[in-house]
N, C-alpha and C. Protein backbone atom coordinates (compact mmCIF):
# COMPACT_ATOMS: atom_id res chain seq x y z
N UNK A 1 70.69 129.97 97.42
CA UNK A 1 71.38 129.11 98.24
C UNK A 1 72.27 129.95 99.34
N UNK A 2 72.24 129.24 100.69
CA UNK A 2 72.38 130.57 101.89
C UNK A 2 73.66 130.44 101.99
N UNK A 3 74.37 131.45 102.20
CA UNK A 3 76.14 131.14 102.99
C UNK A 3 76.14 131.23 104.16
N UNK A 4 77.04 130.41 104.70
CA UNK A 4 77.37 130.33 106.12
C UNK A 4 78.70 130.56 106.26
N UNK A 5 79.17 131.44 106.69
CA UNK A 5 80.98 131.80 107.34
C UNK A 5 80.57 131.52 108.88
N UNK A 6 81.46 131.11 109.13
CA UNK A 6 81.57 131.21 110.31
C UNK A 6 82.47 132.47 110.88
N UNK A 7 83.46 137.35 126.22
CA UNK A 7 83.59 135.51 125.68
C UNK A 7 83.30 135.53 127.68
N UNK A 8 82.38 133.94 127.36
CA UNK A 8 82.26 133.49 128.49
C UNK A 8 83.63 133.33 129.08
N UNK A 9 83.59 132.83 130.55
CA UNK A 9 84.74 132.17 131.01
C UNK A 9 85.00 130.98 130.31
N UNK A 10 86.83 130.85 130.60
CA UNK A 10 87.16 129.52 129.61
C UNK A 10 86.15 128.21 129.99
N UNK A 11 85.72 127.95 131.66
CA UNK A 11 84.75 127.02 131.80
C UNK A 11 83.23 126.86 130.96
N UNK A 12 82.43 127.57 130.47
CA UNK A 12 81.42 127.96 129.42
C UNK A 12 82.23 127.93 128.41
N UNK A 13 83.49 128.62 127.86
CA UNK A 13 83.60 128.49 126.61
C UNK A 13 84.15 126.76 126.12
N UNK A 14 84.17 126.10 127.13
CA UNK A 14 85.09 124.58 127.11
C UNK A 14 83.43 123.80 126.78
N UNK A 15 82.40 124.15 127.78
CA UNK A 15 81.25 123.60 127.40
C UNK A 15 80.05 123.67 126.00
N UNK A 16 80.86 124.74 125.37
CA UNK A 16 80.37 125.01 123.98
C UNK A 16 80.82 123.95 123.09
N UNK A 17 82.27 124.06 123.47
CA UNK A 17 83.26 123.08 122.37
C UNK A 17 82.47 121.36 122.60
N UNK A 18 82.33 121.05 123.64
CA UNK A 18 81.81 119.58 124.00
C UNK A 18 80.63 119.40 123.35
N UNK A 19 79.73 120.86 123.45
CA UNK A 19 78.43 120.05 122.94
C UNK A 19 78.39 120.61 121.69
N UNK A 20 79.58 120.98 120.73
CA UNK A 20 79.61 121.08 119.24
C UNK A 20 80.58 119.83 118.56
N UNK A 21 80.75 119.05 119.39
CA UNK A 21 81.52 117.61 119.08
C UNK A 21 80.69 116.73 118.74
N UNK A 22 81.03 116.30 116.93
CA UNK A 22 80.06 116.05 116.04
C UNK A 22 79.60 114.46 116.58
N UNK A 23 80.64 113.66 117.53
CA UNK A 23 80.10 112.76 117.65
C UNK A 23 78.50 112.73 118.73
N UNK A 24 78.17 113.43 119.30
CA UNK A 24 76.90 113.96 119.83
C UNK A 24 75.87 114.88 119.25
N UNK A 25 76.09 114.65 117.92
CA UNK A 25 75.57 116.04 117.23
C UNK A 25 73.78 114.61 117.33
N UNK A 26 73.12 115.67 117.21
CA UNK A 26 71.44 114.94 117.15
C UNK A 26 70.71 115.93 116.86
N UNK A 27 70.31 116.34 115.58
CA UNK A 27 69.25 117.60 115.31
C UNK A 27 67.62 116.76 115.99
N UNK A 28 67.38 117.67 116.51
CA UNK A 28 65.83 117.40 117.25
C UNK A 28 64.53 117.42 115.98
N UNK A 29 64.73 118.82 115.77
CA UNK A 29 63.99 119.25 114.76
C UNK A 29 64.06 119.74 113.37
N UNK A 30 63.24 119.31 112.52
CA UNK A 30 63.44 120.12 111.30
C UNK A 30 62.21 120.53 110.99
N UNK A 31 62.09 121.68 111.12
CA UNK A 31 60.95 122.80 110.61
C UNK A 31 60.70 123.37 109.48
N UNK A 32 60.97 122.38 108.09
CA UNK A 32 60.99 122.65 107.10
C UNK A 32 59.37 122.93 106.80
N UNK A 33 59.53 124.23 106.08
CA UNK A 33 58.15 124.65 105.59
C UNK A 33 57.35 123.45 104.82
N UNK A 34 57.99 122.77 103.83
CA UNK A 34 57.79 122.24 103.32
C UNK A 34 56.23 120.99 104.00
N UNK A 35 56.48 120.96 105.53
CA UNK A 35 55.74 120.17 106.20
C UNK A 35 54.39 121.09 106.63
N UNK A 36 54.56 122.36 106.55
CA UNK A 36 53.27 123.34 107.06
C UNK A 36 53.57 123.44 108.57
N UNK A 37 52.81 124.39 108.68
CA UNK A 37 52.22 124.93 109.84
C UNK A 37 52.18 123.98 111.37
N UNK A 38 52.03 122.28 110.82
CA UNK A 38 52.16 121.61 112.03
C UNK A 38 53.34 121.14 112.49
N UNK A 39 54.39 121.79 111.64
CA UNK A 39 55.94 121.32 112.49
C UNK A 39 55.80 122.42 113.76
N UNK A 40 55.05 123.16 114.14
CA UNK A 40 54.81 124.07 115.67
C UNK A 40 53.86 123.43 116.39
N UNK A 41 53.98 123.71 117.06
CA UNK A 41 53.14 122.98 118.51
C UNK A 41 52.03 123.96 118.28
N UNK A 42 51.81 125.26 118.32
CA UNK A 42 50.73 125.75 117.86
C UNK A 42 51.14 127.04 117.14
N UNK A 43 49.92 127.82 116.73
CA UNK A 43 49.99 129.66 116.09
C UNK A 43 49.29 130.64 116.88
N UNK A 44 50.08 131.56 116.61
CA UNK A 44 49.50 132.19 117.81
C UNK A 44 49.35 133.98 116.65
N UNK A 45 47.95 133.79 116.08
CA UNK A 45 47.91 134.43 114.77
C UNK A 45 46.21 134.68 114.80
N UNK A 46 45.97 135.77 115.68
CA UNK A 46 44.31 136.24 115.20
C UNK A 46 44.19 136.79 113.51
N UNK A 47 43.32 136.57 113.32
CA UNK A 47 42.72 137.13 111.84
C UNK A 47 43.00 138.65 112.03
N UNK A 48 42.85 139.04 111.16
CA UNK A 48 43.24 138.63 109.77
C UNK A 48 44.53 138.56 109.54
N UNK A 49 45.47 137.86 110.65
CA UNK A 49 46.48 137.59 110.52
C UNK A 49 46.70 136.66 110.03
N UNK A 50 48.04 135.67 109.51
CA UNK A 50 47.58 134.50 109.08
C UNK A 50 49.67 133.68 109.66
N UNK A 51 50.01 132.25 109.47
CA UNK A 51 51.12 132.23 109.09
C UNK A 51 50.95 130.87 108.41
N UNK A 52 51.40 130.89 107.15
CA UNK A 52 51.72 130.04 106.03
C UNK A 52 52.60 129.34 105.53
N UNK A 53 52.87 128.83 104.75
CA UNK A 53 54.17 128.50 104.19
C UNK A 53 53.56 128.46 102.47
N UNK A 54 54.69 128.81 101.79
CA UNK A 54 54.39 129.66 100.56
C UNK A 54 56.05 129.48 99.97
N UNK A 55 55.91 129.58 98.18
CA UNK A 55 56.69 129.10 97.50
C UNK A 55 57.07 130.70 97.09
N UNK A 56 58.41 131.16 96.85
CA UNK A 56 58.41 133.14 96.41
C UNK A 56 59.28 133.10 94.91
N UNK A 57 59.38 131.52 94.61
CA UNK A 57 59.85 131.15 93.63
C UNK A 57 61.61 132.13 93.42
N UNK A 58 62.14 132.23 94.71
CA UNK A 58 63.52 132.61 94.83
C UNK A 58 64.44 131.23 95.08
N UNK A 59 64.49 129.94 95.16
CA UNK A 59 65.24 129.23 95.04
C UNK A 59 65.30 127.96 96.21
N UNK A 60 64.20 129.06 97.48
CA UNK A 60 64.26 128.03 98.46
C UNK A 60 63.50 127.30 98.85
N UNK A 61 62.39 127.04 98.16
CA UNK A 61 61.07 126.66 98.52
C UNK A 61 60.23 126.87 99.29
N UNK A 62 59.82 126.21 99.66
CA UNK A 62 58.63 126.48 100.84
C UNK A 62 59.15 127.10 102.20
N UNK A 63 58.92 128.39 102.41
CA UNK A 63 59.24 129.00 103.30
C UNK A 63 57.62 129.45 104.16
N UNK A 64 58.25 129.97 105.16
CA UNK A 64 57.42 130.30 106.35
C UNK A 64 56.84 131.95 106.17
N UNK A 65 55.40 132.69 106.22
CA UNK A 65 55.36 133.95 105.71
C UNK A 65 54.14 134.51 107.38
N UNK A 66 55.06 134.80 108.33
CA UNK A 66 54.27 135.10 109.51
C UNK A 66 54.00 136.92 109.32
N UNK A 67 52.36 137.36 108.75
CA UNK A 67 51.60 138.31 108.38
C UNK A 67 51.35 138.58 109.42
N UNK A 68 51.78 139.98 109.82
CA UNK A 68 50.74 140.73 111.18
C UNK A 68 50.28 141.93 110.82
N UNK A 69 49.21 141.73 110.39
CA UNK A 69 48.40 143.27 109.65
C UNK A 69 48.31 144.38 111.02
N UNK A 70 47.94 145.41 110.60
CA UNK A 70 47.76 146.69 111.23
C UNK A 70 46.79 146.08 112.53
N UNK A 71 47.19 146.48 113.17
CA UNK A 71 45.81 146.26 114.70
C UNK A 71 46.18 144.95 115.45
N UNK A 72 46.85 144.27 114.82
CA UNK A 72 47.60 143.24 115.80
C UNK A 72 48.18 143.26 116.25
N UNK A 73 49.04 142.65 117.50
CA UNK A 73 50.33 143.16 118.49
C UNK A 73 51.19 141.75 118.01
N UNK A 74 50.65 140.32 117.82
CA UNK A 74 51.22 139.28 117.55
C UNK A 74 50.58 138.57 116.39
N UNK A 75 51.51 138.07 115.70
CA UNK A 75 51.72 136.45 114.88
C UNK A 75 52.79 135.87 114.81
N UNK A 76 52.50 134.60 115.93
CA UNK A 76 54.08 133.87 116.09
C UNK A 76 53.60 132.69 115.93
N UNK A 77 54.72 132.00 116.29
CA UNK A 77 54.73 130.17 116.29
C UNK A 77 54.97 129.90 117.78
N UNK A 78 54.63 128.91 118.10
CA UNK A 78 54.61 128.65 119.51
C UNK A 78 54.99 127.20 120.02
N UNK A 79 56.42 127.30 120.27
CA UNK A 79 56.75 125.55 120.35
C UNK A 79 57.02 124.65 118.82
N UNK A 80 57.73 123.97 119.03
CA UNK A 80 58.00 122.76 118.40
C UNK A 80 57.45 121.73 118.26
N UNK A 81 56.87 120.87 117.06
CA UNK A 81 56.19 119.37 117.29
C UNK A 81 57.05 118.62 116.39
N UNK A 82 57.34 117.29 117.39
CA UNK A 82 58.15 116.29 117.33
C UNK A 82 57.11 114.92 116.96
N UNK A 83 57.44 114.34 116.49
CA UNK A 83 56.80 112.73 115.95
C UNK A 83 54.91 113.40 116.53
N UNK A 84 54.66 114.48 116.22
CA UNK A 84 53.24 114.80 115.94
C UNK A 84 52.68 115.60 117.39
N UNK A 85 53.55 115.68 118.26
CA UNK A 85 53.55 116.09 119.53
C UNK A 85 54.78 116.84 119.78
N UNK A 86 53.86 118.18 121.23
CA UNK A 86 54.48 118.93 121.16
C UNK A 86 56.08 118.60 121.96
N UNK A 87 57.19 119.29 121.61
CA UNK A 87 58.65 118.44 122.36
C UNK A 87 58.65 119.56 123.77
N UNK A 88 59.21 118.94 124.78
CA UNK A 88 59.12 119.80 126.01
C UNK A 88 60.84 119.65 126.34
N UNK A 89 61.54 121.29 125.93
CA UNK A 89 62.84 121.02 126.52
C UNK A 89 62.92 121.42 127.69
N UNK A 90 64.08 120.55 128.25
CA UNK A 90 64.20 120.65 129.67
C UNK A 90 65.54 121.64 130.23
N UNK A 91 65.57 121.61 131.58
CA UNK A 91 66.51 122.15 132.41
C UNK A 91 67.96 121.40 132.33
N UNK A 92 68.74 121.92 132.55
CA UNK A 92 70.13 121.45 132.36
C UNK A 92 70.35 120.77 131.34
N UNK A 93 70.57 121.69 130.05
CA UNK A 93 70.57 121.07 128.59
C UNK A 93 70.91 122.04 128.02
N UNK A 94 71.57 121.52 126.49
CA UNK A 94 71.85 122.49 125.24
C UNK A 94 71.12 122.30 124.27
N UNK A 95 70.71 123.41 123.89
CA UNK A 95 70.01 123.09 123.14
C UNK A 95 70.68 124.31 121.88
N UNK A 96 70.87 124.14 120.32
CA UNK A 96 70.75 125.05 119.53
C UNK A 96 70.08 125.05 118.44
N UNK A 97 68.99 126.70 118.43
CA UNK A 97 68.46 126.72 117.21
C UNK A 97 68.54 127.80 116.09
N UNK A 98 68.70 127.24 115.42
CA UNK A 98 68.91 127.88 113.82
C UNK A 98 67.74 128.41 113.07
N UNK A 99 67.47 129.56 112.69
CA UNK A 99 66.98 129.90 111.04
C UNK A 99 67.07 130.83 110.51
N UNK A 100 66.71 131.06 109.29
CA UNK A 100 66.95 132.27 108.43
C UNK A 100 65.37 133.04 108.65
N UNK A 101 66.10 134.66 108.13
CA UNK A 101 64.85 135.45 108.74
C UNK A 101 64.91 136.41 107.62
N UNK A 102 63.66 137.03 107.33
CA UNK A 102 63.69 138.54 106.37
C UNK A 102 62.93 139.10 106.91
N UNK A 103 62.44 140.30 107.10
CA UNK A 103 61.56 141.39 107.40
C UNK A 103 61.06 142.34 106.56
N UNK A 104 60.20 142.84 106.29
CA UNK A 104 59.69 143.80 105.10
C UNK A 104 60.13 145.18 105.49
N UNK A 105 60.14 145.41 107.20
CA UNK A 105 60.49 146.58 107.79
C UNK A 105 61.38 146.64 109.47
N UNK A 106 61.94 147.66 108.81
CA UNK A 106 63.41 147.41 110.23
C UNK A 106 62.50 147.60 111.29
N UNK A 107 61.71 147.98 111.51
CA UNK A 107 60.61 147.89 113.17
C UNK A 107 60.06 146.69 112.87
N UNK A 108 60.36 145.00 113.02
CA UNK A 108 59.38 144.16 112.95
C UNK A 108 59.17 144.23 114.03
N UNK A 109 59.54 144.61 115.32
CA UNK A 109 58.83 143.75 116.33
C UNK A 109 60.03 142.63 117.33
N UNK A 110 59.47 142.07 118.24
CA UNK A 110 60.01 140.67 118.60
C UNK A 110 60.05 139.39 117.78
N UNK A 111 61.13 139.11 117.00
CA UNK A 111 60.82 138.04 116.21
C UNK A 111 61.34 136.79 116.76
N UNK A 112 62.18 137.10 118.04
CA UNK A 112 61.95 135.31 118.64
C UNK A 112 62.36 135.80 120.38
N UNK A 113 61.52 134.33 121.00
CA UNK A 113 61.29 134.38 122.42
C UNK A 113 61.82 133.39 122.78
N UNK A 114 62.34 133.22 123.72
CA UNK A 114 63.03 132.05 124.37
C UNK A 114 61.48 131.85 125.70
N UNK A 115 60.40 131.64 125.60
CA UNK A 115 59.37 132.05 126.55
C UNK A 115 59.38 130.88 127.68
N UNK A 116 58.91 131.81 128.60
CA UNK A 116 58.80 131.23 129.86
C UNK A 116 57.11 130.57 130.16
N UNK A 117 56.78 129.52 130.29
CA UNK A 117 55.72 128.91 130.41
C UNK A 117 55.12 129.95 131.89
N UNK A 118 53.60 130.21 131.85
CA UNK A 118 53.16 130.21 133.11
C UNK A 118 52.70 132.38 133.18
N UNK A 119 52.00 132.77 133.82
CA UNK A 119 51.71 134.16 133.84
C UNK A 119 51.71 134.50 135.07
N UNK A 120 52.35 136.18 134.48
CA UNK A 120 52.32 136.65 136.18
C UNK A 120 53.47 136.41 137.13
N UNK A 121 52.74 136.10 138.25
CA UNK A 121 53.64 135.34 139.46
C UNK A 121 54.18 134.14 139.79
N UNK A 122 53.65 133.45 138.15
CA UNK A 122 54.36 131.71 137.73
C UNK A 122 55.46 132.07 137.69
N UNK A 123 55.82 133.03 136.68
CA UNK A 123 57.32 132.93 136.12
C UNK A 123 58.11 134.35 136.76
N UNK A 124 59.77 134.01 136.89
CA UNK A 124 60.71 134.82 137.48
C UNK A 124 61.00 135.68 136.19
N UNK A 125 61.33 135.12 134.94
CA UNK A 125 61.67 135.34 134.14
C UNK A 125 60.39 135.40 132.79
N UNK A 126 60.13 136.53 132.34
CA UNK A 126 58.93 135.90 131.07
C UNK A 126 59.40 135.80 129.95
N UNK A 127 60.52 136.17 129.67
CA UNK A 127 61.77 135.72 128.34
C UNK A 127 62.98 136.23 128.58
N UNK A 128 63.77 134.57 128.88
CA UNK A 128 65.19 134.78 129.54
C UNK A 128 65.78 135.58 128.44
N UNK A 129 65.46 135.07 127.01
CA UNK A 129 66.76 135.56 125.99
C UNK A 129 64.94 136.02 124.73
N UNK A 130 65.89 137.39 123.67
CA UNK A 130 64.76 137.43 123.31
C UNK A 130 65.83 138.33 121.97
N UNK A 131 65.14 138.30 120.74
CA UNK A 131 65.46 138.66 119.72
C UNK A 131 64.22 139.45 119.00
N UNK A 132 65.04 141.24 118.71
CA UNK A 132 64.19 142.37 118.42
C UNK A 132 64.47 142.62 117.15
N UNK A 133 64.22 143.03 116.08
CA UNK A 133 64.29 144.03 114.68
C UNK A 133 63.63 145.08 115.58
N UNK A 134 64.58 146.43 115.44
CA UNK A 134 63.88 147.49 115.78
C UNK A 134 64.72 149.00 115.54
N UNK A 135 64.10 149.85 115.00
CA UNK A 135 65.15 151.12 114.61
C UNK A 135 65.82 151.00 113.77
N UNK A 136 65.73 149.50 112.79
CA UNK A 136 66.64 149.36 111.90
C UNK A 136 68.07 148.32 112.16
N UNK A 137 67.81 148.00 113.52
CA UNK A 137 68.90 147.03 114.22
C UNK A 137 68.21 145.67 114.44
N UNK A 138 69.07 144.43 114.44
CA UNK A 138 68.64 143.23 115.26
C UNK A 138 69.53 143.27 116.49
N UNK A 139 68.52 142.76 117.19
CA UNK A 139 69.14 142.84 118.67
C UNK A 139 68.96 141.60 119.09
N UNK A 140 70.14 141.76 120.68
CA UNK A 140 69.99 140.32 121.12
C UNK A 140 70.23 140.70 122.47
N UNK A 141 68.94 140.14 123.52
CA UNK A 141 68.69 140.75 124.87
C UNK A 141 68.97 139.49 125.89
N UNK A 142 69.34 139.75 126.80
CA UNK A 142 69.09 139.01 127.98
C UNK A 142 68.35 139.51 129.18
N UNK A 143 66.99 139.27 129.46
CA UNK A 143 66.30 139.52 130.59
C UNK A 143 66.38 138.91 131.86
N UNK A 144 67.02 139.26 132.66
CA UNK A 144 66.82 138.54 134.33
C UNK A 144 65.56 138.76 134.93
N UNK A 145 65.86 138.17 136.02
CA UNK A 145 64.55 138.30 136.37
C UNK A 145 64.31 139.87 137.23
N UNK A 146 62.99 140.15 137.07
CA UNK A 146 62.50 141.44 137.81
C UNK A 146 62.70 142.23 136.60
N UNK A 147 62.48 141.89 134.84
CA UNK A 147 62.44 142.41 133.76
C UNK A 147 63.42 143.10 133.32
N UNK A 148 64.76 142.67 133.82
CA UNK A 148 66.22 143.47 133.63
C UNK A 148 66.36 143.45 132.57
N UNK A 149 66.59 144.12 131.53
CA UNK A 149 66.99 143.90 130.27
C UNK A 149 68.73 144.62 129.93
N UNK A 150 69.24 143.38 129.23
CA UNK A 150 70.38 144.23 128.95
C UNK A 150 70.47 143.41 127.25
N UNK A 151 71.04 144.44 126.58
CA UNK A 151 71.71 144.62 125.47
C UNK A 151 72.98 143.95 125.11
N UNK A 152 73.03 142.85 124.72
CA UNK A 152 73.95 141.81 124.38
C UNK A 152 75.00 141.95 122.60
N UNK A 153 73.89 142.06 121.97
CA UNK A 153 74.69 142.56 121.16
C UNK A 153 73.65 142.93 119.81
N UNK A 154 73.66 143.49 118.99
CA UNK A 154 73.44 144.58 117.96
C UNK A 154 74.08 144.60 116.39
N UNK A 155 73.43 144.79 115.88
CA UNK A 155 73.84 145.02 113.97
C UNK A 155 72.97 145.42 113.43
N UNK A 156 73.19 146.55 112.42
CA UNK A 156 72.20 147.10 111.60
C UNK A 156 71.62 145.95 110.67
N UNK A 157 70.78 145.83 110.11
CA UNK A 157 69.59 145.35 109.29
C UNK A 157 68.81 145.75 108.17
N UNK A 158 69.23 145.10 107.37
CA UNK A 158 68.65 145.45 105.55
C UNK A 158 67.06 144.46 105.66
N UNK A 159 66.10 145.13 105.16
CA UNK A 159 65.21 145.03 105.01
C UNK A 159 64.89 143.70 104.24
N UNK A 160 64.21 142.95 103.73
CA UNK A 160 64.08 141.70 102.60
C UNK A 160 65.02 141.19 101.90
N UNK A 161 66.26 141.03 103.53
CA UNK A 161 67.42 139.97 103.30
C UNK A 161 67.60 138.86 103.87
N UNK A 162 67.80 138.07 103.70
CA UNK A 162 67.62 136.72 104.75
C UNK A 162 68.96 136.68 105.72
N UNK A 163 68.90 136.41 106.79
CA UNK A 163 69.99 136.20 107.95
C UNK A 163 69.95 135.22 108.27
N UNK A 164 70.88 134.10 108.67
CA UNK A 164 71.08 133.39 108.78
C UNK A 164 71.32 133.39 110.60
N UNK A 165 70.66 132.89 111.82
CA UNK A 165 70.55 133.40 113.34
C UNK A 165 70.58 131.98 113.79
N UNK A 166 71.55 131.84 114.43
CA UNK A 166 71.85 130.49 115.78
C UNK A 166 72.05 131.08 116.73
N UNK A 167 71.32 130.90 117.90
CA UNK A 167 71.77 130.62 119.17
C UNK A 167 71.77 129.12 120.01
N UNK A 168 72.72 129.41 120.86
CA UNK A 168 72.82 127.59 121.52
C UNK A 168 72.23 128.12 122.84
N UNK A 169 71.60 127.83 123.21
CA UNK A 169 71.10 127.87 125.10
C UNK A 169 71.09 126.75 125.88
N UNK A 170 72.18 126.91 126.64
CA UNK A 170 72.07 126.19 127.99
C UNK A 170 71.53 126.15 128.64
N UNK A 171 70.28 125.55 129.16
CA UNK A 171 69.24 125.95 129.76
C UNK A 171 70.17 125.98 131.32
N UNK A 172 69.27 126.47 131.90
CA UNK A 172 69.49 126.82 133.79
C UNK A 172 69.17 127.81 134.39
N UNK A 173 68.24 127.28 135.52
CA UNK A 173 67.76 128.26 136.61
C UNK A 173 68.81 128.74 137.75
N UNK A 174 70.30 128.78 137.34
CA UNK A 174 71.06 128.90 138.03
C UNK A 174 71.64 129.88 137.28
N UNK A 175 72.13 130.78 137.51
CA UNK A 175 72.54 132.46 136.61
C UNK A 175 74.43 132.05 136.31
N UNK A 176 74.61 131.07 137.38
CA UNK A 176 76.40 130.97 137.00
C UNK A 176 76.39 129.73 135.90
N UNK A 177 75.60 128.89 135.95
CA UNK A 177 75.69 127.86 134.77
C UNK A 177 75.11 127.93 133.40
N UNK A 178 73.52 128.69 133.54
CA UNK A 178 73.48 129.00 132.34
C UNK A 178 74.36 129.93 130.84
N UNK A 179 74.27 129.20 129.87
CA UNK A 179 74.38 130.45 129.20
C UNK A 179 74.19 130.33 127.77
N UNK A 180 74.50 131.35 127.10
CA UNK A 180 73.90 131.65 125.66
C UNK A 180 75.21 132.04 124.26
N UNK A 181 75.19 131.53 123.99
CA UNK A 181 76.00 131.56 122.04
C UNK A 181 75.00 132.24 121.21
N UNK A 182 75.79 133.09 120.13
CA UNK A 182 74.76 133.53 119.10
C UNK A 182 75.94 133.63 118.24
N UNK A 183 75.52 133.13 116.47
CA UNK A 183 75.82 133.65 115.72
C UNK A 183 75.33 134.00 114.67
N UNK A 184 75.90 134.99 114.07
CA UNK A 184 75.39 135.49 112.39
C UNK A 184 75.72 135.69 111.50
N UNK A 185 74.98 134.84 110.26
CA UNK A 185 75.82 134.52 109.66
C UNK A 185 76.95 133.91 109.57
N UNK A 186 77.03 132.65 110.17
CA UNK A 186 78.28 131.69 110.41
C UNK A 186 79.26 132.49 111.55
N UNK A 187 79.13 133.79 112.19
CA UNK A 187 80.31 134.61 112.87
C UNK A 187 79.69 134.63 114.15
N UNK A 188 80.59 133.87 115.16
CA UNK A 188 79.97 134.38 116.35
C UNK A 188 79.78 135.59 116.89
N UNK A 189 78.84 136.36 117.20
CA UNK A 189 78.86 137.76 117.65
C UNK A 189 78.77 137.75 119.29
N UNK A 190 78.03 136.27 120.10
CA UNK A 190 77.80 136.81 121.43
C UNK A 190 77.93 135.75 121.93
N UNK A 191 77.84 135.76 123.21
CA UNK A 191 78.64 135.08 124.25
C UNK A 191 78.38 135.51 125.87
N UNK A 192 76.70 134.70 126.68
CA UNK A 192 76.87 135.29 127.63
C UNK A 192 76.46 134.15 128.38
N UNK A 193 76.97 134.47 129.98
CA UNK A 193 76.19 133.71 131.04
C UNK A 193 75.19 134.39 131.99
N UNK A 194 73.95 133.39 132.59
CA UNK A 194 73.03 134.06 132.91
C UNK A 194 71.94 132.83 133.22
N UNK A 195 70.92 133.37 134.15
CA UNK A 195 69.58 132.37 134.22
C UNK A 195 69.12 132.18 132.67
N UNK A 196 68.93 131.15 132.54
CA UNK A 196 68.22 131.09 130.70
C UNK A 196 67.03 130.01 131.00
N UNK A 197 66.73 129.53 132.03
CA UNK A 197 65.27 128.72 132.43
C UNK A 197 64.56 129.39 133.44
N UNK A 198 63.37 129.06 133.16
CA UNK A 198 61.99 129.96 134.38
C UNK A 198 61.64 128.53 135.32
N UNK A 199 60.69 128.87 135.94
CA UNK A 199 60.26 127.81 136.96
C UNK A 199 59.43 126.83 135.96
N UNK A 200 58.51 127.23 135.46
CA UNK A 200 57.69 126.40 134.54
C UNK A 200 58.12 125.67 133.29
N UNK A 201 59.28 125.85 132.86
CA UNK A 201 60.08 125.77 131.70
C UNK A 201 60.14 127.26 131.09
N UNK A 202 60.54 126.68 129.52
CA UNK A 202 60.28 127.56 128.29
C UNK A 202 60.62 126.93 127.05
N UNK A 203 59.92 127.54 126.22
CA UNK A 203 59.95 127.26 124.70
C UNK A 203 59.85 128.21 123.63
N UNK A 204 60.11 127.85 122.41
CA UNK A 204 60.61 129.08 121.54
C UNK A 204 59.48 129.85 120.76
N UNK A 205 59.57 130.93 120.24
CA UNK A 205 58.38 131.77 120.18
C UNK A 205 59.36 132.47 118.38
N UNK A 206 58.21 132.11 117.08
CA UNK A 206 59.11 132.64 116.19
C UNK A 206 57.46 133.45 115.81
N UNK A 207 58.30 134.54 114.78
CA UNK A 207 57.25 135.79 114.26
C UNK A 207 57.81 136.99 114.24
N UNK A 208 56.61 137.85 114.48
CA UNK A 208 55.86 139.32 115.28
C UNK A 208 56.21 139.47 116.30
N UNK A 209 55.87 140.52 117.26
CA UNK A 209 55.36 140.55 118.66
C UNK A 209 55.70 141.68 119.05
N UNK A 210 54.35 142.34 119.68
CA UNK A 210 54.69 143.58 120.34
C UNK A 210 53.71 144.87 119.86
N UNK A 211 53.53 145.64 121.02
CA UNK A 211 52.42 146.81 121.38
C UNK A 211 53.45 147.32 120.73
N UNK A 212 54.44 147.82 120.12
CA UNK A 212 55.21 148.99 119.32
C UNK A 212 55.48 148.68 118.21
N UNK A 213 54.28 147.72 117.36
CA UNK A 213 54.55 147.37 116.03
C UNK A 213 52.98 146.89 116.15
N UNK A 214 52.00 147.29 116.65
CA UNK A 214 50.28 147.24 116.68
C UNK A 214 50.06 147.94 115.31
N UNK A 215 51.10 149.54 115.17
CA UNK A 215 50.10 150.39 114.18
C UNK A 215 51.03 149.69 113.18
N UNK A 216 52.22 148.87 112.73
CA UNK A 216 52.51 148.47 111.65
C UNK A 216 52.30 146.89 111.02
N UNK A 217 52.28 147.07 109.56
CA UNK A 217 52.26 145.56 109.04
C UNK A 217 53.43 145.06 108.70
N UNK A 218 53.39 143.75 109.40
CA UNK A 218 55.00 143.45 109.63
C UNK A 218 55.10 142.00 109.05
N UNK A 219 55.76 141.72 107.50
CA UNK A 219 55.97 140.13 107.65
C UNK A 219 57.34 139.72 107.92
N UNK A 220 57.34 138.26 108.23
CA UNK A 220 58.53 138.00 108.35
C UNK A 220 58.34 136.54 107.93
N UNK A 221 59.64 136.74 107.20
CA UNK A 221 59.50 135.40 106.38
C UNK A 221 60.53 134.18 107.15
N UNK A 222 60.48 133.44 107.34
CA UNK A 222 61.25 132.22 108.30
C UNK A 222 61.87 130.87 107.35
N UNK A 223 62.46 130.89 107.09
CA UNK A 223 63.49 129.37 106.76
C UNK A 223 64.28 128.84 107.60
N UNK A 224 64.73 127.42 107.21
CA UNK A 224 65.51 126.66 107.31
C UNK A 224 65.67 126.22 109.26
N UNK A 225 64.35 126.53 109.70
CA UNK A 225 64.05 126.13 111.15
C UNK A 225 64.36 124.97 111.01
N UNK A 226 65.90 124.85 112.60
CA UNK A 226 66.34 123.47 113.05
C UNK A 226 66.75 124.21 114.54
N UNK A 227 66.22 122.71 115.15
CA UNK A 227 66.32 123.04 116.77
C UNK A 227 67.43 121.54 116.74
N UNK A 228 68.70 121.32 117.32
CA UNK A 228 69.71 120.63 117.62
C UNK A 228 70.07 120.57 118.88
N UNK A 229 71.06 119.39 119.32
CA UNK A 229 72.03 119.22 120.38
C UNK A 229 72.91 119.94 119.91
N UNK A 230 74.04 120.21 118.90
CA UNK A 230 75.55 121.29 118.03
C UNK A 230 74.98 122.46 117.33
N UNK A 231 75.80 122.57 117.54
CA UNK A 231 75.70 124.22 116.42
C UNK A 231 75.56 123.17 114.89
N UNK A 232 76.63 122.47 114.62
CA UNK A 232 76.73 121.54 113.37
C UNK A 232 75.32 121.61 112.74
N UNK A 233 74.14 121.01 113.66
CA UNK A 233 72.83 120.39 113.92
C UNK A 233 72.19 121.23 113.01
N UNK A 234 72.27 122.76 113.11
CA UNK A 234 71.28 123.65 112.74
C UNK A 234 72.07 124.56 111.68
N UNK A 235 72.96 124.78 111.66
CA UNK A 235 73.40 125.91 110.73
C UNK A 235 73.97 125.51 109.00
N UNK A 236 72.92 124.95 108.70
CA UNK A 236 72.56 124.82 107.33
C UNK A 236 71.18 125.42 106.50
């Protein structure tokens, strides 16, 4: 069983509370691995890398295995599929994203990107929100326009152990109204404001990525993937 245990300005905190109201609850996506990789819009994992669903006999049932072998920089799943079609996230909206992750190494690279569409001058922020496992720590970054990286939270990480991550993202191309709220194993660990939506929009990416892990064999086990409109939708 997964165990769940439960500062911006007052205005942003109020927004978080409002989005958590049960009356407005709505699960947008249940990325249960039993549905196979079709729950994602696409996978970005060249051979001999792979994204598969399998049962490890640990009571969790089917979980996703992101297998990034030596020589590859990327093994990720891009976007979510709802009703057989790619789900389009929208600006000026609030989304909660939850998942369990367990990596085989303390240097697994980027495990989550709130990835912007477009290339080069088509976007101002390549990945406004990003999470890494590196140097034995799980790290949450906000990346502003101009590749200005700010570490917002970090904690030591144990390999081969599942951790529950929940991110609340209020999308906005205005730095004064966008915000991010982060929970780790049910406890709020970070909350900050900033620009969270790029010119052509954003999407989720899960897995392992980075030139710094090209010479490493990374396995990222991912389970319990959900996207909703409230924290309660995804923290289970």
